[in-house]
């Protein structure tokens, strides 16, 4: 028997129900990409994806192909890969591969893949740097990119947090800065692509942290009386529900401890807003 959170079923084993995934999963199964809903059940707001470095080869081209197919102009792409993080040695023997998009030293990169000699299936993407900045030096990196494919062009917002080690959390203030930047760039219902090496722990931790923060800030503005009556953080219950939806998306005790700390941090920020009013 299944229970539901929003529109998404949760099995007794707290496993994400993959039967709800859309057809695009069948196109690039090796990307380990999955659409994830917001807490209120809106689907497609996130695409959690493994880095192409996880398996290398033509995965970089397929990754940009997924972005082309599943997002639209001004989509946000978030990379939580640690700087110089090595690819998976089970798949890639050389560590010279990289996912770093165009930068000042190399402003244009072409990604091309031939599909068994079938020209109708060949894909080529050109990704160019438009501008870049470091909102917080050595903490956050932002690049505006242009993705070109078969005469079509679109803008992308690429945000990189280069200091997030695998299976770890990050500081609360740094998470807030990351979320603030993402919220500033994100507009409308365009799904954002979030990736780390395998598209699980850091990716799931960020998604849960952002959803908690955005829900809390909205509640602080619209439901002040209810929040003022709470004796402890109501968002701790929320994070437990999120883990049921996204089973396996938080993969270490360090990340669980961070999310507990983050829930308290969010609650403290809500209290500041209530005190000011």
C-alpha atoms as a PDB file:
ATOM      1  CA  UNK A   1       0.000   0.000   0.000  1.00  0.00           C
ATOM      2  CA  UNK A   2       1.363   3.402  -0.951  1.00  0.00           C
ATOM      3  CA  UNK A   3       1.029   6.710   0.818  1.00  0.00           C
ATOM      4  CA  UNK A   4       1.282  10.036  -0.973  1.00  0.00           C
ATOM      5  CA  UNK A   5       3.024  13.339  -0.409  1.00  0.00           C
ATOM      6  CA  UNK A   6       1.533  15.767  -2.888  1.00  0.00           C
ATOM      7  CA  UNK A   7       1.036  13.797  -6.097  1.00  0.00           C
ATOM      8  CA  UNK A   8       4.038  11.541  -5.516  1.00  0.00           C
ATOM      9  CA  UNK A   9       3.678   8.057  -4.029  1.00  0.00           C
ATOM     10  CA  UNK A  10       5.961   6.882  -1.244  1.00  0.00           C
ATOM     11  CA  UNK A  11       6.380   3.156  -0.682  1.00  0.00           C
ATOM     12  CA  UNK A  12       6.649   1.547   2.727  1.00  0.00           C
ATOM     13  CA  UNK A  13      10.385   1.371   2.160  1.00  0.00           C
ATOM     14  CA  UNK A  14      10.543   5.146   1.704  1.00  0.00           C
ATOM     15  CA  UNK A  15      11.738   4.704  -1.869  1.00  0.00           C
ATOM     16  CA  UNK A  16      11.152   7.200  -4.638  1.00  0.00           C
ATOM     17  CA  UNK A  17       8.630   5.682  -7.039  1.00  0.00           C
ATOM     18  CA  UNK A  18      10.420   5.603 -10.378  1.00  0.00           C
ATOM     19  CA  UNK A  19       7.217   4.658 -12.198  1.00  0.00           C
ATOM     20  CA  UNK A  20       6.294   8.353 -12.087  1.00  0.00           C
ATOM     21  CA  UNK A  21       9.325   9.407 -14.121  1.00  0.00           C
ATOM     22  CA  UNK A  22       8.565  10.833 -17.582  1.00  0.00           C
ATOM     23  CA  UNK A  23       9.633   9.393 -20.897  1.00  0.00           C
ATOM     24  CA  UNK A  24      12.801  11.454 -21.257  1.00  0.00           C
ATOM     25  CA  UNK A  25      14.494   9.132 -18.776  1.00  0.00           C
ATOM     26  CA  UNK A  26      14.455   6.466 -21.463  1.00  0.00           C
ATOM     27  CA  UNK A  27      16.456   8.607 -23.863  1.00  0.00           C
ATOM     28  CA  UNK A  28      19.586   9.051 -21.748  1.00  0.00           C
ATOM     29  CA  UNK A  29      19.394   6.357 -19.071  1.00  0.00           C
ATOM     30  CA  UNK A  30      23.081   6.612 -18.192  1.00  0.00           C
ATOM     31  CA  UNK A  31      22.795  10.213 -17.058  1.00  0.00           C
ATOM     32  CA  UNK A  32      21.113   9.120 -13.827  1.00  0.00           C
ATOM     33  CA  UNK A  33      18.824  12.145 -14.138  1.00  0.00           C
ATOM     34  CA  UNK A  34      15.403  12.354 -12.517  1.00  0.00           C
ATOM     35  CA  UNK A  35      12.780  15.090 -12.246  1.00  0.00           C
ATOM     36  CA  UNK A  36      11.964  15.946  -8.643  1.00  0.00           C
ATOM     37  CA  UNK A  37       8.889  17.782  -7.375  1.00  0.00           C
ATOM     38  CA  UNK A  38       8.705  20.626  -4.913  1.00  0.00           C
ATOM     39  CA  UNK A  39       7.159  19.814  -1.574  1.00  0.00           C
ATOM     40  CA  UNK A  40       3.706  20.968  -2.710  1.00  0.00           C
ATOM     41  CA  UNK A  41       3.754  18.353  -5.463  1.00  0.00           C
ATOM     42  CA  UNK A  42       4.741  20.507  -8.427  1.00  0.00           C
ATOM     43  CA  UNK A  43       6.678  18.210 -10.724  1.00  0.00           C
ATOM     44  CA  UNK A  44       9.512  19.161 -12.993  1.00  0.00           C
ATOM     45  CA  UNK A  45      10.882  22.041 -10.926  1.00  0.00           C
ATOM     46  CA  UNK A  46      14.190  20.237 -10.461  1.00  0.00           C
ATOM     47  CA  UNK A  47      16.160  17.800 -12.556  1.00  0.00           C
ATOM     48  CA  UNK A  48      18.624  15.982 -10.309  1.00  0.00           C
ATOM     49  CA  UNK A  49      21.491  14.769 -12.451  1.00  0.00           C
ATOM     50  CA  UNK A  50      24.758  12.953 -12.110  1.00  0.00           C
ATOM     51  CA  UNK A  51      27.739  14.766 -13.537  1.00  0.00           C
ATOM     52  CA  UNK A  52      28.876  13.585 -16.982  1.00  0.00           C
ATOM     53  CA  UNK A  53      32.198  12.926 -15.259  1.00  0.00           C
ATOM     54  CA  UNK A  54      30.601   9.996 -13.481  1.00  0.00           C
ATOM     55  CA  UNK A  55      30.898   7.868 -16.609  1.00  0.00           C
ATOM     56  CA  UNK A  56      32.686  10.117 -19.063  1.00  0.00           C
ATOM     57  CA  UNK A  57      32.783   9.416 -22.784  1.00  0.00           C
ATOM     58  CA  UNK A  58      29.880  11.018 -24.639  1.00  0.00           C
ATOM     59  CA  UNK A  59      28.016  11.824 -21.437  1.00  0.00           C
ATOM     60  CA  UNK A  60      28.949  15.504 -21.624  1.00  0.00           C
ATOM     61  CA  UNK A  61      27.208  15.843 -24.969  1.00  0.00           C
ATOM     62  CA  UNK A  62      24.187  13.922 -23.695  1.00  0.00           C
ATOM     63  CA  UNK A  63      24.100  16.168 -20.622  1.00  0.00           C
ATOM     64  CA  UNK A  64      23.825  19.298 -22.752  1.00  0.00           C
ATOM     65  CA  UNK A  65      21.287  17.467 -24.888  1.00  0.00           C
ATOM     66  CA  UNK A  66      19.152  16.888 -21.796  1.00  0.00           C
ATOM     67  CA  UNK A  67      19.389  20.574 -20.919  1.00  0.00           C
ATOM     68  CA  UNK A  68      18.364  21.506 -24.457  1.00  0.00           C
ATOM     69  CA  UNK A  69      15.400  19.118 -24.394  1.00  0.00           C
ATOM     70  CA  UNK A  70      14.114  19.648 -20.857  1.00  0.00           C
ATOM     71  CA  UNK A  71      14.666  23.343 -20.118  1.00  0.00           C
ATOM     72  CA  UNK A  72      14.100  26.625 -21.900  1.00  0.00           C
ATOM     73  CA  UNK A  73      15.714  30.050 -22.159  1.00  0.00           C
ATOM     74  CA  UNK A  74      17.338  31.380 -18.960  1.00  0.00           C
ATOM     75  CA  UNK A  75      17.356  28.016 -17.182  1.00  0.00           C
ATOM     76  CA  UNK A  76      19.513  27.707 -14.066  1.00  0.00           C
ATOM     77  CA  UNK A  77      22.202  25.012 -13.888  1.00  0.00           C
ATOM     78  CA  UNK A  78      23.812  24.319 -10.510  1.00  0.00           C
ATOM     79  CA  UNK A  79      27.032  22.345 -10.168  1.00  0.00           C
ATOM     80  CA  UNK A  80      27.991  21.100  -6.712  1.00  0.00           C
ATOM     81  CA  UNK A  81      31.102  19.266  -7.897  1.00  0.00           C
ATOM     82  CA  UNK A  82      34.123  20.035  -5.761  1.00  0.00           C
ATOM     83  CA  UNK A  83      36.892  21.779  -7.667  1.00  0.00           C
ATOM     84  CA  UNK A  84      39.292  19.196  -9.143  1.00  0.00           C
ATOM     85  CA  UNK A  85      37.054  16.359  -7.945  1.00  0.00           C
ATOM     86  CA  UNK A  86      38.100  13.202  -9.718  1.00  0.00           C
ATOM     87  CA  UNK A  87      35.693  11.224 -11.895  1.00  0.00           C
ATOM     88  CA  UNK A  88      34.574   7.752 -10.925  1.00  0.00           C
ATOM     89  CA  UNK A  89      37.607   5.419 -11.316  1.00  0.00           C
ATOM     90  CA  UNK A  90      35.282   2.501 -12.095  1.00  0.00           C
ATOM     91  CA  UNK A  91      34.354   4.199 -15.358  1.00  0.00           C
ATOM     92  CA  UNK A  92      37.141   6.649 -16.194  1.00  0.00           C
ATOM     93  CA  UNK A  93      40.795   5.692 -15.896  1.00  0.00           C
ATOM     94  CA  UNK A  94      42.173   9.129 -16.705  1.00  0.00           C
ATOM     95  CA  UNK A  95      41.463  12.139 -14.520  1.00  0.00           C
ATOM     96  CA  UNK A  96      42.141  14.781 -17.172  1.00  0.00           C
ATOM     97  CA  UNK A  97      38.466  14.991 -18.125  1.00  0.00           C
ATOM     98  CA  UNK A  98      36.486  18.018 -16.961  1.00  0.00           C
ATOM     99  CA  UNK A  99      32.989  19.415 -16.897  1.00  0.00           C
ATOM    100  CA  UNK A 100      34.033  23.020 -16.296  1.00  0.00           C
ATOM    101  CA  UNK A 101      32.082  25.075 -18.868  1.00  0.00           C
ATOM    102  CA  UNK A 102      33.563  27.891 -20.962  1.00  0.00           C
ATOM    103  CA  UNK A 103      35.633  30.450 -19.065  1.00  0.00           C
ATOM    104  CA  UNK A 104      37.830  33.444 -19.862  1.00  0.00           C
ATOM    105  CA  UNK A 105      40.720  31.226 -20.917  1.00  0.00           C
ATOM    106  CA  UNK A 106      38.539  28.993 -23.093  1.00  0.00           C
ATOM    107  CA  UNK A 107      35.384  30.967 -23.991  1.00  0.00           C
ATOM    108  CA  UNK A 108      33.809  28.489 -26.427  1.00  0.00           C
ATOM    109  CA  UNK A 109      33.510  24.713 -26.158  1.00  0.00           C
ATOM    110  CA  UNK A 110      31.900  22.335 -28.669  1.00  0.00           C
ATOM    111  CA  UNK A 111      30.345  19.038 -27.623  1.00  0.00           C
ATOM    112  CA  UNK A 112      29.663  16.547 -30.397  1.00  0.00           C
ATOM    113  CA  UNK A 113      28.451  12.969 -30.516  1.00  0.00           C
ATOM    114  CA  UNK A 114      27.984  10.688 -33.512  1.00  0.00           C
ATOM    115  CA  UNK A 115      25.284   8.071 -33.073  1.00  0.00           C
ATOM    116  CA  UNK A 116      26.510   4.943 -34.858  1.00  0.00           C
ATOM    117  CA  UNK A 117      26.941   6.745 -38.154  1.00  0.00           C
ATOM    118  CA  UNK A 118      23.288   7.819 -38.294  1.00  0.00           C
ATOM    119  CA  UNK A 119      23.486  11.498 -39.266  1.00  0.00           C
ATOM    120  CA  UNK A 120      19.898  12.134 -38.162  1.00  0.00           C
ATOM    121  CA  UNK A 121      20.896  11.254 -34.597  1.00  0.00           C
ATOM    122  CA  UNK A 122      24.167  13.189 -34.495  1.00  0.00           C
ATOM    123  CA  UNK A 123      24.201  16.065 -32.017  1.00  0.00           C
ATOM    124  CA  UNK A 124      26.530  19.025 -31.655  1.00  0.00           C
ATOM    125  CA  UNK A 125      26.265  21.753 -29.056  1.00  0.00           C
ATOM    126  CA  UNK A 126      28.328  24.895 -28.799  1.00  0.00           C
ATOM    127  CA  UNK A 127      28.515  26.523 -25.376  1.00  0.00           C
ATOM    128  CA  UNK A 128      29.939  30.046 -25.130  1.00  0.00           C
ATOM    129  CA  UNK A 129      30.763  32.328 -22.222  1.00  0.00           C
ATOM    130  CA  UNK A 130      28.795  35.590 -22.115  1.00  0.00           C
ATOM    131  CA  UNK A 131      29.930  36.912 -18.728  1.00  0.00           C
ATOM    132  CA  UNK A 132      31.248  35.675 -15.391  1.00  0.00           C
ATOM    133  CA  UNK A 133      31.608  36.857 -11.815  1.00  0.00           C
ATOM    134  CA  UNK A 134      32.405  35.611  -8.322  1.00  0.00           C
ATOM    135  CA  UNK A 135      29.604  36.841  -6.014  1.00  0.00           C
ATOM    136  CA  UNK A 136      31.624  35.539  -3.063  1.00  0.00           C
ATOM    137  CA  UNK A 137      35.286  34.990  -3.851  1.00  0.00           C
ATOM    138  CA  UNK A 138      36.380  31.357  -3.556  1.00  0.00           C
ATOM    139  CA  UNK A 139      32.838  30.367  -2.510  1.00  0.00           C
ATOM    140  CA  UNK A 140      30.466  31.005  -5.422  1.00  0.00           C
ATOM    141  CA  UNK A 141      31.055  31.230  -9.163  1.00  0.00           C
ATOM    142  CA  UNK A 142      28.528  32.441 -11.724  1.00  0.00           C
ATOM    143  CA  UNK A 143      28.681  32.274 -15.508  1.00  0.00           C
ATOM    144  CA  UNK A 144      26.136  33.400 -18.043  1.00  0.00           C
ATOM    145  CA  UNK A 145      26.365  30.979 -20.955  1.00  0.00           C
ATOM    146  CA  UNK A 146      24.900  30.738 -24.435  1.00  0.00           C
ATOM    147  CA  UNK A 147      23.904  27.284 -25.675  1.00  0.00           C
ATOM    148  CA  UNK A 148      23.652  26.915 -29.459  1.00  0.00           C
ATOM    149  CA  UNK A 149      22.103  23.984 -31.287  1.00  0.00           C
ATOM    150  CA  UNK A 150      21.072  23.770 -34.956  1.00  0.00           C
ATOM    151  CA  UNK A 151      20.759  27.519 -35.367  1.00  0.00           C
ATOM    152  CA  UNK A 152      18.891  28.007 -32.097  1.00  0.00           C
ATOM    153  CA  UNK A 153      20.394  29.915 -29.188  1.00  0.00           C
ATOM    154  CA  UNK A 154      19.436  30.317 -25.549  1.00  0.00           C
ATOM    155  CA  UNK A 155      20.882  31.816 -22.386  1.00  0.00           C
ATOM    156  CA  UNK A 156      21.784  29.723 -19.347  1.00  0.00           C
ATOM    157  CA  UNK A 157      22.719  30.672 -15.793  1.00  0.00           C
ATOM    158  CA  UNK A 158      25.496  28.396 -14.537  1.00  0.00           C
ATOM    159  CA  UNK A 159      26.202  28.506 -10.790  1.00  0.00           C
ATOM    160  CA  UNK A 160      29.078  26.549  -9.271  1.00  0.00           C
ATOM    161  CA  UNK A 161      29.825  25.931  -5.602  1.00  0.00           C
ATOM    162  CA  UNK A 162      33.404  24.599  -5.864  1.00  0.00           C
ATOM    163  CA  UNK A 163      34.115  23.905  -2.187  1.00  0.00           C
ATOM    164  CA  UNK A 164      31.484  21.297  -1.349  1.00  0.00           C
ATOM    165  CA  UNK A 165      33.248  18.026  -0.558  1.00  0.00           C
ATOM    166  CA  UNK A 166      31.593  14.696  -1.326  1.00  0.00           C
ATOM    167  CA  UNK A 167      29.281  13.331   1.420  1.00  0.00           C
ATOM    168  CA  UNK A 168      29.609  16.547   3.468  1.00  0.00           C
ATOM    169  CA  UNK A 169      27.476  19.551   4.331  1.00  0.00           C
ATOM    170  CA  UNK A 170      28.465  23.210   4.063  1.00  0.00           C
ATOM    171  CA  UNK A 171      28.153  26.263   6.317  1.00  0.00           C
ATOM    172  CA  UNK A 172      24.686  27.697   6.856  1.00  0.00           C
ATOM    173  CA  UNK A 173      25.671  31.173   5.676  1.00  0.00           C
ATOM    174  CA  UNK A 174      27.228  29.739   2.523  1.00  0.00           C
ATOM    175  CA  UNK A 175      24.075  27.725   1.820  1.00  0.00           C
ATOM    176  CA  UNK A 176      21.990  30.864   2.262  1.00  0.00           C
ATOM    177  CA  UNK A 177      24.249  32.739  -0.171  1.00  0.00           C
ATOM    178  CA  UNK A 178      23.932  29.907  -2.704  1.00  0.00           C
ATOM    179  CA  UNK A 179      20.136  29.834  -2.390  1.00  0.00           C
ATOM    180  CA  UNK A 180      19.903  33.630  -2.644  1.00  0.00           C
ATOM    181  CA  UNK A 181      21.890  33.584  -5.889  1.00  0.00           C
ATOM    182  CA  UNK A 182      19.801  30.747  -7.335  1.00  0.00           C
ATOM    183  CA  UNK A 183      16.554  32.495  -6.390  1.00  0.00           C
ATOM    184  CA  UNK A 184      17.803  35.694  -7.994  1.00  0.00           C
ATOM    185  CA  UNK A 185      18.500  33.942 -11.298  1.00  0.00           C
ATOM    186  CA  UNK A 186      15.545  31.546 -11.303  1.00  0.00           C
ATOM    187  CA  UNK A 187      12.351  32.764 -12.939  1.00  0.00           C
ATOM    188  CA  UNK A 188       8.977  31.252 -13.771  1.00  0.00           C
ATOM    189  CA  UNK A 189       8.467  27.500 -13.884  1.00  0.00           C
ATOM    190  CA  UNK A 190      11.611  26.653 -15.855  1.00  0.00           C
ATOM    191  CA  UNK A 191      13.107  23.534 -14.229  1.00  0.00           C
ATOM    192  CA  UNK A 192      16.619  23.895 -12.862  1.00  0.00           C
ATOM    193  CA  UNK A 193      19.293  21.248 -13.299  1.00  0.00           C
ATOM    194  CA  UNK A 194      21.187  20.357 -10.117  1.00  0.00           C
ATOM    195  CA  UNK A 195      24.173  18.033 -10.282  1.00  0.00           C
ATOM    196  CA  UNK A 196      27.019  16.590  -8.253  1.00  0.00           C
ATOM    197  CA  UNK A 197      29.169  13.561  -9.077  1.00  0.00           C
ATOM    198  CA  UNK A 198      26.375  10.968  -8.840  1.00  0.00           C
ATOM    199  CA  UNK A 199      23.408  13.329  -8.566  1.00  0.00           C
ATOM    200  CA  UNK A 200      22.490  12.185  -5.057  1.00  0.00           C
ATOM    201  CA  UNK A 201      23.912  13.449  -1.752  1.00  0.00           C
ATOM    202  CA  UNK A 202      24.939  17.034  -2.416  1.00  0.00           C
ATOM    203  CA  UNK A 203      22.197  17.446  -4.994  1.00  0.00           C
ATOM    204  CA  UNK A 204      19.495  16.191  -2.625  1.00  0.00           C
ATOM    205  CA  UNK A 205      20.882  18.214   0.274  1.00  0.00           C
ATOM    206  CA  UNK A 206      20.745  21.439  -1.735  1.00  0.00           C
ATOM    207  CA  UNK A 207      17.228  20.793  -3.045  1.00  0.00           C
ATOM    208  CA  UNK A 208      15.926  20.039   0.434  1.00  0.00           C
ATOM    209  CA  UNK A 209      17.669  23.076   1.925  1.00  0.00           C
ATOM    210  CA  UNK A 210      16.307  25.420  -0.761  1.00  0.00           C
ATOM    211  CA  UNK A 211      12.770  24.108  -0.483  1.00  0.00           C
ATOM    212  CA  UNK A 212      12.879  24.497   3.302  1.00  0.00           C
ATOM    213  CA  UNK A 213      14.178  28.056   3.036  1.00  0.00           C
ATOM    214  CA  UNK A 214      11.692  29.185   0.400  1.00  0.00           C
ATOM    215  CA  UNK A 215       8.771  27.619   2.254  1.00  0.00           C
ATOM    216  CA  UNK A 216       9.850  29.262   5.504  1.00  0.00           C
ATOM    217  CA  UNK A 217      10.240  32.726   3.992  1.00  0.00           C
ATOM    218  CA  UNK A 218       6.837  32.485   2.314  1.00  0.00           C
ATOM    219  CA  UNK A 219       5.257  31.327   5.578  1.00  0.00           C
ATOM    220  CA  UNK A 220       6.891  34.157   7.526  1.00  0.00           C
ATOM    221  CA  UNK A 221       5.187  36.668   5.239  1.00  0.00           C
ATOM    222  CA  UNK A 222       1.781  34.999   4.937  1.00  0.00           C
ATOM    223  CA  UNK A 223       1.262  33.016   8.153  1.00  0.00           C
ATOM    224  CA  UNK A 224       2.920  35.094  10.865  1.00  0.00           C
ATOM    225  CA  UNK A 225       0.375  34.297  13.582  1.00  0.00           C
ATOM    226  CA  UNK A 226       0.730  30.548  13.089  1.00  0.00           C
ATOM    227  CA  UNK A 227       4.523  30.732  13.077  1.00  0.00           C
ATOM    228  CA  UNK A 228       4.563  32.892  16.196  1.00  0.00           C
ATOM    229  CA  UNK A 229       2.644  30.195  18.100  1.00  0.00           C
ATOM    230  CA  UNK A 230       5.140  27.425  17.320  1.00  0.00           C
ATOM    231  CA  UNK A 231       7.350  26.287  20.196  1.00  0.00           C
ATOM    232  CA  UNK A 232       9.961  24.679  17.957  1.00  0.00           C
ATOM    233  CA  UNK A 233      10.857  24.540  14.296  1.00  0.00           C
ATOM    234  CA  UNK A 234       7.984  23.080  12.222  1.00  0.00           C
ATOM    235  CA  UNK A 235      10.439  22.544   9.380  1.00  0.00           C
ATOM    236  CA  UNK A 236      12.092  19.543  11.018  1.00  0.00           C
ATOM    237  CA  UNK A 237       8.950  17.576  10.161  1.00  0.00           C
ATOM    238  CA  UNK A 238       9.140  18.973   6.663  1.00  0.00           C
ATOM    239  CA  UNK A 239      12.679  17.697   6.110  1.00  0.00           C
ATOM    240  CA  UNK A 240      11.654  14.193   7.189  1.00  0.00           C
ATOM    241  CA  UNK A 241       8.888  14.211   4.581  1.00  0.00           C
ATOM    242  CA  UNK A 242      11.327  15.419   1.935  1.00  0.00           C
ATOM    243  CA  UNK A 243      13.606  12.455   2.617  1.00  0.00           C
ATOM    244  CA  UNK A 244      10.732  10.071   2.025  1.00  0.00           C
ATOM    245  CA  UNK A 245      10.164  11.569  -1.409  1.00  0.00           C
ATOM    246  CA  UNK A 246      13.857  11.672  -2.242  1.00  0.00           C
ATOM    247  CA  UNK A 247      15.121   8.469  -0.690  1.00  0.00           C
ATOM    248  CA  UNK A 248      18.839   8.071  -1.302  1.00  0.00           C
ATOM    249  CA  UNK A 249      19.299  11.733  -2.104  1.00  0.00           C
ATOM    250  CA  UNK A 250      21.043  12.377   1.216  1.00  0.00           C
ATOM    251  CA  UNK A 251      23.837   9.849   1.496  1.00  0.00           C
ATOM    252  CA  UNK A 252      25.807  10.516   4.669  1.00  0.00           C
ATOM    253  CA  UNK A 253      25.412  11.243   8.370  1.00  0.00           C
ATOM    254  CA  UNK A 254      27.258  14.542   7.834  1.00  0.00           C
ATOM    255  CA  UNK A 255      24.550  15.699   5.439  1.00  0.00           C
ATOM    256  CA  UNK A 256      21.783  14.639   7.822  1.00  0.00           C
ATOM    257  CA  UNK A 257      23.466  16.632  10.598  1.00  0.00           C
ATOM    258  CA  UNK A 258      23.793  19.612   8.295  1.00  0.00           C
ATOM    259  CA  UNK A 259      20.098  19.514   7.357  1.00  0.00           C
ATOM    260  CA  UNK A 260      19.123  19.392  11.024  1.00  0.00           C
ATOM    261  CA  UNK A 261      21.379  22.386  11.685  1.00  0.00           C
ATOM    262  CA  UNK A 262      19.963  24.109   8.606  1.00  0.00           C
ATOM    263  CA  UNK A 263      16.368  23.611   9.782  1.00  0.00           C
ATOM    264  CA  UNK A 264      17.250  25.330  13.059  1.00  0.00           C
ATOM    265  CA  UNK A 265      19.060  28.118  11.190  1.00  0.00           C
ATOM    266  CA  UNK A 266      15.980  28.694   9.035  1.00  0.00           C
ATOM    267  CA  UNK A 267      13.773  28.752  12.125  1.00  0.00           C
ATOM    268  CA  UNK A 268      16.049  31.339  13.763  1.00  0.00           C
ATOM    269  CA  UNK A 269      15.849  33.509  10.634  1.00  0.00           C
ATOM    270  CA  UNK A 270      12.053  33.265  10.714  1.00  0.00           C
ATOM    271  CA  UNK A 271      12.062  34.393  14.341  1.00  0.00           C
ATOM    272  CA  UNK A 272      14.098  37.470  13.385  1.00  0.00           C
ATOM    273  CA  UNK A 273      11.504  38.395  10.767  1.00  0.00           C
ATOM    274  CA  UNK A 274       8.662  37.940  13.260  1.00  0.00           C
ATOM    275  CA  UNK A 275      10.476  40.015  15.900  1.00  0.00           C
ATOM    276  CA  UNK A 276      10.981  42.855  13.423  1.00  0.00           C
ATOM    277  CA  UNK A 277       7.249  42.954  12.798  1.00  0.00           C
END
